[in-house]
Amino acid sequence: MRVGVYIDAYNLYYGARGHCGRSTPGWRWLDVRQLAETLLSPRQDWADAQASRVVYCTARVDARSNASAQRDQDIYLKALIAHGSVDYIEYGAYVARTKKALLANADSKGRPVPVTSQWPVMVRDAQGNDVRQAQFVVQVMNMEEKGSDVNVATHLLIDVMRGDVDAALVISNDSDLRLPIQEARRVVPVAVVNPGKGPLAGALSGERSEGVGQHWWQQLTSSDIYASQLPEQVAKYARPDGW
């Protein structure tokens, strides 16, 4: 069974960071093909499944905002290619914009709650009167990765419609992938792997029997990640410090 593997790199990165810890070494130098094979090998319902095509959708970090992260990412991407861990890297864009938003705290479930004026920080009008319950609007720099979800969807559907794969494995928890995954399920079995610690996005769920059937869902674990690391040295590329 030829399995196409489609990876939303930033979704995977933040999911793995949530499992393993931001400052913990030993998880960033990820061999994504080995990870896919680790997920596929126990599946008795997908007989002889192999990751025949691995598409890695990412965006390059802007060196102006974080030069060291850009260098480390560049080494990693070159190592993935040199090791044969990916068949194709599709690049989106990493953009910096300013954004205006209400100042807010998070409640116990992580939902935003706008902050309003109250002592010790109070708003006063031109006459010196306290303005209670005033809201604060702040302007911040917002770093945003663009395009990976569209690129995952595009490669998934192209490969499925051309008949280049017999099944698909999508590593992402982005609900924007609902429609392309739903359409792919009409043609081939599709596995959706949630890389994060939270629940699977409801839009990505479904029935095992819909379409052609044999679909499955799984959540990544820290054990999957730690067990799927590249060698310390790949050709001339060494694992960056702290990775």
Protein backbone atom coordinates (compact mmCIF):
# COMPACT_ATOMS: atom_id res chain seq x y z
CA MET A 1 0.00 0.00 0.00
CA ARG A 2 1.50 3.31 -1.12
CA VAL A 3 0.78 5.93 1.55
CA GLY A 4 1.16 9.64 0.88
CA VAL A 5 2.15 11.54 4.02
CA TYR A 6 1.19 15.22 4.23
CA ILE A 7 2.64 17.24 7.08
CA ASP A 8 1.66 20.68 8.33
CA ALA A 9 5.10 21.46 9.75
CA TYR A 10 4.20 24.28 12.14
CA ASN A 11 1.20 22.37 13.46
CA LEU A 12 3.48 19.41 14.07
CA TYR A 13 6.18 21.59 15.65
CA TYR A 14 3.86 23.23 18.18
CA GLY A 15 2.17 19.92 18.91
CA ALA A 16 5.53 18.25 19.60
CA ARG A 17 6.60 21.21 21.74
CA GLY A 18 3.43 20.81 23.77
CA HIS A 19 4.20 17.13 24.36
CA CYS A 20 7.91 17.46 25.08
CA GLY A 21 8.42 20.96 26.48
CA ARG A 22 9.81 24.05 24.82
CA SER A 23 13.18 24.02 26.58
CA THR A 24 13.59 20.24 26.54
CA PRO A 25 16.20 18.92 24.09
CA GLY A 26 15.83 15.76 22.04
CA TRP A 27 12.63 16.27 20.03
CA ARG A 28 13.17 18.93 17.34
CA TRP A 29 15.54 16.88 15.11
CA LEU A 30 12.58 14.88 13.89
CA ASP A 31 12.79 12.28 11.13
CA VAL A 32 9.32 12.73 9.69
CA ARG A 33 9.49 9.67 7.43
CA GLN A 34 10.43 7.48 10.38
CA LEU A 35 7.61 9.08 12.36
CA ALA A 36 5.17 8.16 9.60
CA GLU A 37 6.49 4.58 9.46
CA THR A 38 6.15 4.36 13.26
CA LEU A 39 2.50 5.32 12.94
CA LEU A 40 1.86 2.98 10.00
CA SER A 41 3.67 -0.17 11.11
CA PRO A 42 1.13 -1.33 13.75
CA ARG A 43 -1.84 -0.94 11.37
CA GLN A 44 -3.06 -4.40 10.44
CA ASP A 45 -5.96 -2.88 8.50
CA TRP A 46 -3.52 -1.16 6.09
CA ALA A 47 -1.61 -4.18 4.86
CA ASP A 48 2.05 -3.56 3.92
CA ALA A 49 1.57 0.21 4.26
CA GLN A 50 4.69 2.24 3.48
CA ALA A 51 5.32 5.97 3.39
CA SER A 52 5.95 6.17 -0.36
CA ARG A 53 5.71 9.96 -0.58
CA VAL A 54 6.34 12.44 2.24
CA VAL A 55 5.35 16.06 1.61
CA TYR A 56 6.49 18.58 4.22
CA CYS A 57 4.68 21.92 4.15
CA THR A 58 6.42 24.71 6.01
CA ALA A 59 7.60 28.32 5.78
CA ARG A 60 11.02 29.80 6.32
CA VAL A 61 11.58 31.78 9.51
CA ASP A 62 12.43 35.43 8.84
CA ALA A 63 16.09 35.97 9.72
CA ARG A 64 15.36 39.62 10.54
CA SER A 65 13.13 38.60 13.43
CA ASN A 66 15.11 35.57 14.65
CA ALA A 67 18.44 34.91 12.98
CA SER A 68 19.41 31.91 15.10
CA ALA A 69 16.06 30.19 14.55
CA GLN A 70 16.42 30.77 10.81
CA ARG A 71 19.89 29.16 10.82
CA ASP A 72 18.69 26.16 12.81
CA GLN A 73 15.67 25.70 10.56
CA ASP A 74 17.85 25.88 7.45
CA ILE A 75 20.14 23.16 8.81
CA TYR A 76 17.14 21.00 9.66
CA LEU A 77 15.50 21.33 6.25
CA LYS A 78 18.77 20.44 4.51
CA ALA A 79 19.21 17.45 6.83
CA LEU A 80 15.70 16.21 6.01
CA ILE A 81 16.53 16.26 2.31
CA ALA A 82 19.99 14.74 2.74
CA HIS A 83 18.62 11.88 4.84
CA GLY A 84 15.75 11.14 2.46
CA SER A 85 13.28 11.94 5.21
CA VAL A 86 11.11 13.97 2.82
CA ASP A 87 10.34 13.69 -0.87
CA TYR A 88 9.20 17.25 -1.31
CA ILE A 89 9.18 20.47 0.73
CA GLU A 90 6.47 22.98 -0.13
CA TYR A 91 7.03 26.49 1.17
CA GLY A 92 4.41 28.93 2.33
CA ALA A 93 5.21 32.36 3.76
CA TYR A 94 6.14 33.59 7.21
CA VAL A 95 4.96 37.17 7.59
CA ALA A 96 5.10 39.86 10.26
CA ARG A 97 2.22 42.28 10.63
CA THR A 98 0.87 44.63 13.25
CA LYS A 99 -2.48 43.75 14.72
CA LYS A 100 -4.91 45.66 16.93
CA ALA A 101 -6.84 43.72 19.54
CA LEU A 102 -8.47 44.02 22.93
CA LEU A 103 -6.18 43.40 25.89
CA ALA A 104 -7.39 40.19 27.50
CA ASN A 105 -6.68 37.51 30.08
CA ALA A 106 -7.48 33.82 29.67
CA ASP A 107 -10.13 32.09 31.76
CA SER A 108 -9.75 28.58 33.19
CA LYS A 109 -10.52 27.06 29.76
CA GLY A 110 -8.16 29.35 27.85
CA ARG A 111 -10.93 31.56 26.46
CA PRO A 112 -10.19 35.30 26.18
CA VAL A 113 -11.72 37.65 28.73
CA PRO A 114 -11.24 41.38 27.91
CA VAL A 115 -9.43 43.40 30.56
CA THR A 116 -11.25 46.52 31.74
CA SER A 117 -10.06 49.54 33.70
CA GLN A 118 -9.95 49.10 37.46
CA TRP A 119 -7.47 50.02 40.13
CA PRO A 120 -4.48 49.83 40.20
CA VAL A 121 -4.75 50.74 36.49
CA MET A 122 -7.53 53.22 35.81
CA VAL A 123 -8.58 55.33 32.82
CA ARG A 124 -9.57 58.96 33.42
CA ASP A 125 -11.42 61.31 31.12
CA ALA A 126 -10.37 64.87 30.26
CA GLN A 127 -12.05 66.16 33.45
CA GLY A 128 -10.14 63.73 35.67
CA ASN A 129 -13.06 61.40 36.31
CA ASP A 130 -12.49 57.67 36.57
CA VAL A 131 -13.76 55.70 33.55
CA ARG A 132 -14.60 52.31 34.93
CA GLN A 133 -15.00 49.23 32.71
CA ALA A 134 -13.11 50.90 29.85
CA GLN A 135 -11.46 48.47 27.46
CA PHE A 136 -7.84 48.64 26.34
CA VAL A 137 -6.88 48.27 22.67
CA VAL A 138 -3.25 47.36 22.00
CA GLN A 139 -1.22 47.12 18.81
CA VAL A 140 1.29 44.28 18.66
CA MET A 141 3.58 42.61 16.18
CA ASN A 142 2.00 39.37 14.97
CA MET A 143 4.18 36.69 13.39
CA GLU A 144 2.09 34.39 11.23
CA GLU A 145 2.78 31.40 9.02
CA LYS A 146 0.67 31.41 5.88
CA GLY A 147 -0.08 28.76 3.31
CA SER A 148 0.76 25.42 4.90
CA ASP A 149 -2.85 24.30 5.24
CA VAL A 150 -3.56 25.14 1.58
CA ASN A 151 -0.37 23.38 0.49
CA VAL A 152 -1.22 20.25 2.48
CA ALA A 153 -4.70 20.20 0.93
CA THR A 154 -3.39 20.76 -2.58
CA HIS A 155 -0.76 18.00 -2.49
CA LEU A 156 -3.20 15.60 -0.84
CA LEU A 157 -5.86 16.08 -3.49
CA ILE A 158 -3.44 16.09 -6.45
CA ASP A 159 -1.86 12.79 -5.37
CA VAL A 160 -5.21 11.18 -4.61
CA MET A 161 -6.88 12.26 -7.84
CA ARG A 162 -3.90 11.21 -9.95
CA GLY A 163 -3.89 7.79 -8.33
CA ASP A 164 -0.33 8.25 -7.09
CA VAL A 165 -1.19 6.94 -3.60
CA ASP A 166 -3.37 4.15 -2.24
CA ALA A 167 -3.95 5.85 1.12
CA ALA A 168 -3.12 9.15 2.84
CA LEU A 169 -1.79 10.10 6.26
CA VAL A 170 -2.29 13.74 7.26
CA ILE A 171 -0.40 15.09 10.28
CA SER A 172 -2.28 18.21 11.34
CA ASN A 173 -5.08 19.36 13.61
CA ASP A 174 -6.08 22.31 11.43
CA SER A 175 -9.85 22.36 10.99
CA ASP A 176 -9.41 24.21 7.68
CA LEU A 177 -8.47 20.82 6.17
CA ARG A 178 -11.99 19.48 6.71
CA LEU A 179 -13.18 19.65 3.10
CA PRO A 180 -10.09 18.27 1.29
CA ILE A 181 -9.83 15.40 3.77
CA GLN A 182 -13.54 14.70 3.40
CA GLU A 183 -13.20 14.59 -0.39
CA ALA A 184 -10.06 12.42 -0.23
CA ARG A 185 -11.98 9.88 1.88
CA ARG A 186 -14.25 9.25 -1.10
CA VAL A 187 -11.28 7.85 -3.04
CA VAL A 188 -8.73 6.40 -0.58
CA PRO A 189 -8.48 5.53 3.11
CA VAL A 190 -7.27 8.56 5.10
CA ALA A 191 -5.59 8.67 8.51
CA VAL A 192 -5.58 11.91 10.48
CA VAL A 193 -2.93 12.28 13.17
CA ASN A 194 -3.40 15.03 15.74
CA PRO A 195 0.10 16.19 16.71
CA GLY A 196 -1.01 18.14 19.80
CA LYS A 197 -2.09 17.32 23.35
CA GLY A 198 -5.57 18.76 22.93
CA PRO A 199 -8.59 17.06 21.39
CA LEU A 200 -8.92 16.44 17.67
CA ALA A 201 -10.59 19.31 15.85
CA GLY A 202 -14.21 18.26 15.44
CA ALA A 203 -14.17 19.20 11.76
CA LEU A 204 -11.53 16.52 11.12
CA SER A 205 -13.46 13.69 12.74
CA GLY A 206 -15.68 11.30 10.80
CA GLU A 207 -16.81 7.73 10.43
CA ARG A 208 -14.38 4.91 9.72
CA SER A 209 -16.75 3.54 7.09
CA GLU A 210 -17.51 6.72 5.13
CA GLY A 211 -16.43 6.90 1.49
CA VAL A 212 -14.14 3.97 0.72
CA GLY A 213 -13.71 3.20 4.44
CA GLN A 214 -10.72 2.02 6.50
CA HIS A 215 -10.07 5.53 7.84
CA TRP A 216 -8.46 6.00 11.24
CA TRP A 217 -7.50 8.69 13.72
CA GLN A 218 -4.63 8.87 16.17
CA GLN A 219 -2.99 11.30 18.56
CA LEU A 220 0.77 11.74 18.58
CA THR A 221 2.65 11.00 21.81
CA SER A 222 5.99 12.13 23.15
CA SER A 223 7.22 8.53 22.74
CA ASP A 224 6.46 8.68 19.01
CA ILE A 225 8.48 11.88 18.73
CA TYR A 226 11.52 10.82 20.76
CA ALA A 227 11.66 7.49 18.91
CA SER A 228 11.78 9.20 15.50
CA GLN A 229 14.90 11.36 15.59
CA LEU A 230 17.47 11.83 12.84
CA PRO A 231 21.06 10.72 13.49
CA GLU A 232 23.09 13.37 15.33
CA GLN A 233 25.03 13.97 12.10
CA VAL A 234 23.35 13.83 8.69
CA ALA A 235 25.91 14.29 5.92
CA LYS A 236 27.50 17.65 6.81
CA TYR A 237 24.57 18.78 8.95
CA ALA A 238 24.73 18.37 12.73
CA ARG A 239 21.88 18.62 15.20
CA PRO A 240 21.79 22.24 16.44
CA ASP A 241 22.60 22.87 20.10
CA GLY A 242 19.57 22.47 22.32
CA TRP A 243 17.67 20.42 19.75
